[in-house]
Amino acid sequence: LSIDYVENKLYWISSGNRTINRCNLDGGNLEVIESMKEELKKATALTIMDKKLWWADQNLAQLGTCNKRDGRNPTILRNKTSGVVHMKVYDKEAQQ
C-alpha cells in the first residue's frame, strides 16, 4: 500500500493479476492501471513521489518508475534487484 497525499489516493499492487490499483481514500473511484499489466510479472513493492510510481518486480528482478496517472512511460532503473518487498522514496525538497 502507498498513499498519495497530494491526490488523496490509495495505491496498491495485486501480484495475482499483475496490476497496480488505486482508489480515493474513502474507498470510492476504484481504478486499475491497465497499462502496467504488460510490464509486471510479480510486483512486490510500490511507492509514490511527485508524478511517478516507483515499483519493484520480484520475478523480473527490476526496479522501475512509470507515470502515476496512467502507468505509461515505464522506465527500468535497475536490473538484477531481487528480494525488494518494501520501498521508500524521499523528496529532498520536502525534508526539513
N, C-alpha and C. Protein backbone atom coordinates (compact mmCIF):
# COMPACT_ATOMS: atom_id res chain seq x y z
N LEU A 1 0.84 -1.19 0.00
CA LEU A 1 0.00 0.00 0.00
C LEU A 1 0.88 1.24 0.00
N SER A 2 0.38 2.27 -0.66
CA SER A 2 1.08 3.55 -0.66
C SER A 2 0.03 4.65 -0.80
N ILE A 3 0.21 5.73 -0.04
CA ILE A 3 -0.75 6.83 -0.09
C ILE A 3 -0.14 8.01 -0.82
N ASP A 4 -0.92 8.55 -1.74
CA ASP A 4 -0.57 9.78 -2.45
C ASP A 4 -1.34 10.89 -1.74
N TYR A 5 -0.68 11.59 -0.83
CA TYR A 5 -1.34 12.61 -0.04
C TYR A 5 -1.73 13.83 -0.87
N VAL A 6 -1.00 14.11 -1.93
CA VAL A 6 -1.31 15.25 -2.79
C VAL A 6 -2.64 15.03 -3.51
N GLU A 7 -2.86 13.82 -4.01
CA GLU A 7 -4.06 13.50 -4.78
C GLU A 7 -5.14 12.81 -3.94
N ASN A 8 -4.85 12.52 -2.66
CA ASN A 8 -5.78 11.81 -1.78
C ASN A 8 -6.19 10.45 -2.36
N LYS A 9 -5.17 9.69 -2.78
CA LYS A 9 -5.39 8.38 -3.38
C LYS A 9 -4.61 7.31 -2.62
N LEU A 10 -5.17 6.12 -2.60
CA LEU A 10 -4.51 4.95 -2.05
C LEU A 10 -4.13 4.05 -3.23
N TYR A 11 -2.88 3.63 -3.30
CA TYR A 11 -2.38 2.75 -4.36
C TYR A 11 -1.99 1.41 -3.75
N TRP A 12 -2.17 0.34 -4.49
CA TRP A 12 -1.70 -0.97 -4.05
C TRP A 12 -1.43 -1.84 -5.26
N ILE A 13 -0.61 -2.88 -5.02
CA ILE A 13 -0.31 -3.84 -6.07
C ILE A 13 -1.09 -5.11 -5.82
N SER A 14 -1.45 -5.76 -6.90
CA SER A 14 -2.08 -7.06 -6.85
C SER A 14 -1.22 -8.00 -7.68
N SER A 15 -0.37 -8.75 -7.00
CA SER A 15 0.56 -9.63 -7.71
C SER A 15 -0.16 -10.71 -8.50
N GLY A 16 -1.31 -11.16 -7.99
CA GLY A 16 -2.04 -12.23 -8.65
C GLY A 16 -2.51 -11.89 -10.05
N ASN A 17 -2.96 -10.65 -10.24
CA ASN A 17 -3.41 -10.28 -11.60
C ASN A 17 -2.48 -9.24 -12.25
N ARG A 18 -1.29 -9.05 -11.66
CA ARG A 18 -0.24 -8.20 -12.24
C ARG A 18 -0.71 -6.77 -12.49
N THR A 19 -1.38 -6.18 -11.50
CA THR A 19 -1.88 -4.82 -11.68
C THR A 19 -1.45 -3.90 -10.54
N ILE A 20 -1.48 -2.62 -10.86
CA ILE A 20 -1.41 -1.57 -9.85
C ILE A 20 -2.80 -0.94 -9.84
N ASN A 21 -3.35 -0.77 -8.64
CA ASN A 21 -4.71 -0.28 -8.47
C ASN A 21 -4.69 0.97 -7.61
N ARG A 22 -5.77 1.77 -7.70
CA ARG A 22 -5.89 2.94 -6.84
C ARG A 22 -7.35 3.25 -6.61
N CYS A 23 -7.59 3.98 -5.53
CA CYS A 23 -8.93 4.49 -5.23
C CYS A 23 -8.78 5.74 -4.38
N ASN A 24 -9.88 6.44 -4.19
CA ASN A 24 -9.88 7.57 -3.27
C ASN A 24 -9.66 7.05 -1.86
N LEU A 25 -9.23 7.91 -0.97
CA LEU A 25 -9.00 7.49 0.41
C LEU A 25 -10.27 7.01 1.10
N ASP A 26 -11.44 7.41 0.61
CA ASP A 26 -12.70 6.93 1.18
C ASP A 26 -13.17 5.62 0.55
N GLY A 27 -12.37 5.05 -0.36
CA GLY A 27 -12.69 3.78 -1.00
C GLY A 27 -13.41 3.91 -2.32
N GLY A 28 -13.82 5.10 -2.68
CA GLY A 28 -14.53 5.31 -3.95
C GLY A 28 -13.59 5.45 -5.14
N ASN A 29 -14.17 5.40 -6.32
CA ASN A 29 -13.45 5.62 -7.58
C ASN A 29 -12.31 4.63 -7.79
N LEU A 30 -12.60 3.35 -7.68
CA LEU A 30 -11.61 2.29 -7.89
C LEU A 30 -11.16 2.29 -9.34
N GLU A 31 -9.84 2.24 -9.53
CA GLU A 31 -9.25 2.21 -10.87
C GLU A 31 -8.14 1.17 -10.92
N VAL A 32 -7.98 0.55 -12.07
CA VAL A 32 -6.88 -0.37 -12.33
C VAL A 32 -6.01 0.28 -13.40
N ILE A 33 -4.72 0.36 -13.15
CA ILE A 33 -3.79 0.93 -14.14
C ILE A 33 -3.43 -0.20 -15.10
N GLU A 34 -4.25 -0.34 -16.11
CA GLU A 34 -4.18 -1.47 -17.05
C GLU A 34 -2.85 -1.57 -17.79
N SER A 35 -2.25 -0.45 -18.12
CA SER A 35 -1.04 -0.49 -18.95
C SER A 35 0.12 -1.19 -18.24
N MET A 36 0.09 -1.26 -16.92
CA MET A 36 1.20 -1.92 -16.20
C MET A 36 1.12 -3.45 -16.27
N LYS A 37 -0.01 -4.01 -16.71
CA LYS A 37 -0.10 -5.46 -16.86
C LYS A 37 0.95 -5.99 -17.82
N GLU A 38 1.32 -5.19 -18.79
CA GLU A 38 2.33 -5.59 -19.77
C GLU A 38 3.74 -5.57 -19.18
N GLU A 39 3.94 -4.77 -18.13
CA GLU A 39 5.27 -4.57 -17.57
C GLU A 39 5.59 -5.46 -16.38
N LEU A 40 4.58 -5.84 -15.61
CA LEU A 40 4.80 -6.53 -14.34
C LEU A 40 4.57 -8.03 -14.45
N LYS A 41 5.38 -8.78 -13.73
CA LYS A 41 5.18 -10.22 -13.59
C LYS A 41 4.75 -10.54 -12.17
N LYS A 42 5.49 -10.02 -11.18
CA LYS A 42 5.11 -10.18 -9.78
C LYS A 42 5.63 -8.97 -9.00
N ALA A 43 4.84 -7.91 -8.98
CA ALA A 43 5.22 -6.70 -8.25
C ALA A 43 5.21 -6.99 -6.76
N THR A 44 6.21 -6.47 -6.05
CA THR A 44 6.34 -6.73 -4.62
C THR A 44 6.46 -5.46 -3.79
N ALA A 45 6.67 -4.31 -4.41
CA ALA A 45 6.81 -3.06 -3.66
C ALA A 45 6.34 -1.90 -4.53
N LEU A 46 5.84 -0.86 -3.86
CA LEU A 46 5.30 0.29 -4.57
C LEU A 46 5.40 1.53 -3.69
N THR A 47 5.77 2.65 -4.28
CA THR A 47 5.73 3.93 -3.59
C THR A 47 5.47 5.03 -4.61
N ILE A 48 5.21 6.23 -4.11
CA ILE A 48 4.82 7.34 -4.98
C ILE A 48 5.63 8.57 -4.60
N MET A 49 6.07 9.32 -5.62
CA MET A 49 6.65 10.63 -5.41
C MET A 49 6.38 11.48 -6.63
N ASP A 50 5.88 12.67 -6.39
CA ASP A 50 5.54 13.60 -7.45
C ASP A 50 4.55 12.96 -8.44
N LYS A 51 4.96 12.84 -9.68
CA LYS A 51 4.07 12.31 -10.72
C LYS A 51 4.42 10.88 -11.11
N LYS A 52 5.24 10.21 -10.28
CA LYS A 52 5.69 8.87 -10.64
C LYS A 52 5.33 7.82 -9.59
N LEU A 53 5.11 6.62 -10.09
CA LEU A 53 5.04 5.43 -9.25
C LEU A 53 6.40 4.75 -9.37
N TRP A 54 6.89 4.26 -8.26
CA TRP A 54 8.14 3.52 -8.21
C TRP A 54 7.79 2.11 -7.80
N TRP A 55 8.24 1.09 -8.51
CA TRP A 55 7.84 -0.29 -8.24
C TRP A 55 9.04 -1.23 -8.31
N ALA A 56 8.86 -2.36 -7.65
CA ALA A 56 9.84 -3.45 -7.72
C ALA A 56 9.11 -4.70 -8.19
N ASP A 57 9.76 -5.49 -9.00
CA ASP A 57 9.18 -6.74 -9.50
C ASP A 57 10.11 -7.89 -9.14
N GLN A 58 9.61 -8.82 -8.36
CA GLN A 58 10.41 -9.95 -7.89
C GLN A 58 10.83 -10.88 -9.03
N ASN A 59 9.89 -11.26 -9.89
CA ASN A 59 10.21 -12.22 -10.95
C ASN A 59 11.17 -11.65 -11.99
N LEU A 60 11.04 -10.37 -12.28
CA LEU A 60 11.93 -9.74 -13.25
C LEU A 60 13.20 -9.19 -12.61
N ALA A 61 13.23 -9.14 -11.26
CA ALA A 61 14.37 -8.59 -10.51
C ALA A 61 14.69 -7.17 -10.98
N GLN A 62 13.65 -6.33 -11.06
CA GLN A 62 13.81 -4.97 -11.56
C GLN A 62 13.19 -3.95 -10.61
N LEU A 63 13.73 -2.74 -10.68
CA LEU A 63 13.13 -1.56 -10.07
C LEU A 63 12.81 -0.61 -11.21
N GLY A 64 11.65 0.04 -11.14
CA GLY A 64 11.28 0.94 -12.21
C GLY A 64 10.33 2.02 -11.78
N THR A 65 10.05 2.92 -12.70
CA THR A 65 9.09 4.00 -12.49
C THR A 65 8.14 4.06 -13.67
N CYS A 66 7.00 4.70 -13.44
CA CYS A 66 6.05 4.99 -14.52
C CYS A 66 5.21 6.19 -14.11
N ASN A 67 4.46 6.73 -15.04
CA ASN A 67 3.56 7.83 -14.77
C ASN A 67 2.45 7.36 -13.84
N LYS A 68 2.18 8.07 -12.74
CA LYS A 68 1.19 7.62 -11.78
C LYS A 68 -0.24 7.74 -12.29
N ARG A 69 -0.49 8.59 -13.24
CA ARG A 69 -1.86 8.77 -13.76
C ARG A 69 -2.32 7.58 -14.60
N ASP A 70 -1.43 7.13 -15.50
CA ASP A 70 -1.86 6.11 -16.45
C ASP A 70 -0.90 4.93 -16.61
N GLY A 71 0.21 4.94 -15.87
CA GLY A 71 1.17 3.85 -15.96
C GLY A 71 2.04 3.88 -17.20
N ARG A 72 1.94 4.91 -17.97
CA ARG A 72 2.71 4.99 -19.21
C ARG A 72 4.16 5.42 -18.92
N ASN A 73 4.98 5.30 -19.94
CA ASN A 73 6.40 5.64 -19.87
C ASN A 73 7.13 4.86 -18.78
N PRO A 74 6.96 3.54 -18.75
CA PRO A 74 7.72 2.78 -17.75
C PRO A 74 9.21 2.84 -18.06
N THR A 75 9.99 3.01 -17.01
CA THR A 75 11.44 3.10 -17.14
C THR A 75 12.07 2.16 -16.13
N ILE A 76 12.91 1.26 -16.60
CA ILE A 76 13.63 0.35 -15.71
C ILE A 76 14.84 1.09 -15.18
N LEU A 77 14.92 1.22 -13.86
CA LEU A 77 16.02 1.93 -13.23
C LEU A 77 17.17 1.00 -12.86
N ARG A 78 16.82 -0.26 -12.57
CA ARG A 78 17.85 -1.19 -12.14
C ARG A 78 17.41 -2.62 -12.40
N ASN A 79 18.30 -3.43 -12.91
CA ASN A 79 18.09 -4.87 -13.10
C ASN A 79 18.84 -5.63 -12.02
N LYS A 80 18.60 -6.92 -11.96
CA LYS A 80 19.27 -7.81 -11.00
C LYS A 80 19.07 -7.35 -9.56
N THR A 81 17.82 -6.97 -9.26
CA THR A 81 17.46 -6.47 -7.93
C THR A 81 16.34 -7.32 -7.39
N SER A 82 16.67 -8.47 -6.84
CA SER A 82 15.64 -9.35 -6.31
C SER A 82 15.50 -9.15 -4.80
N GLY A 83 14.37 -9.58 -4.27
CA GLY A 83 14.15 -9.54 -2.83
C GLY A 83 13.62 -8.23 -2.29
N VAL A 84 13.28 -7.28 -3.15
CA VAL A 84 12.75 -6.00 -2.68
C VAL A 84 11.26 -6.17 -2.38
N VAL A 85 10.89 -5.97 -1.13
CA VAL A 85 9.49 -6.10 -0.73
C VAL A 85 8.93 -4.82 -0.13
N HIS A 86 9.77 -3.79 -0.01
CA HIS A 86 9.33 -2.52 0.52
C HIS A 86 10.20 -1.41 -0.05
N MET A 87 9.58 -0.27 -0.35
CA MET A 87 10.33 0.86 -0.91
C MET A 87 9.88 2.15 -0.24
N LYS A 88 10.81 3.08 -0.09
CA LYS A 88 10.51 4.44 0.32
C LYS A 88 11.35 5.36 -0.55
N VAL A 89 10.74 6.43 -1.01
CA VAL A 89 11.45 7.43 -1.79
C VAL A 89 11.32 8.74 -1.03
N TYR A 90 12.43 9.44 -0.86
CA TYR A 90 12.42 10.68 -0.12
C TYR A 90 12.63 11.86 -1.07
N ASP A 91 11.78 12.85 -0.93
CA ASP A 91 11.86 14.07 -1.72
C ASP A 91 12.75 15.05 -0.96
N LYS A 92 13.89 15.36 -1.49
CA LYS A 92 14.84 16.25 -0.84
C LYS A 92 14.20 17.60 -0.48
N GLU A 93 13.34 18.10 -1.36
CA GLU A 93 12.70 19.40 -1.14
C GLU A 93 11.69 19.36 0.01
N ALA A 94 11.11 18.20 0.28
CA ALA A 94 10.10 18.09 1.33
C ALA A 94 10.70 17.84 2.71
N GLN A 95 11.98 17.51 2.77
CA GLN A 95 12.63 17.21 4.05
C GLN A 95 12.95 18.51 4.77
N GLN A 96 12.76 18.51 6.07
CA GLN A 96 13.08 19.71 6.86
C GLN A 96 14.11 19.38 7.91
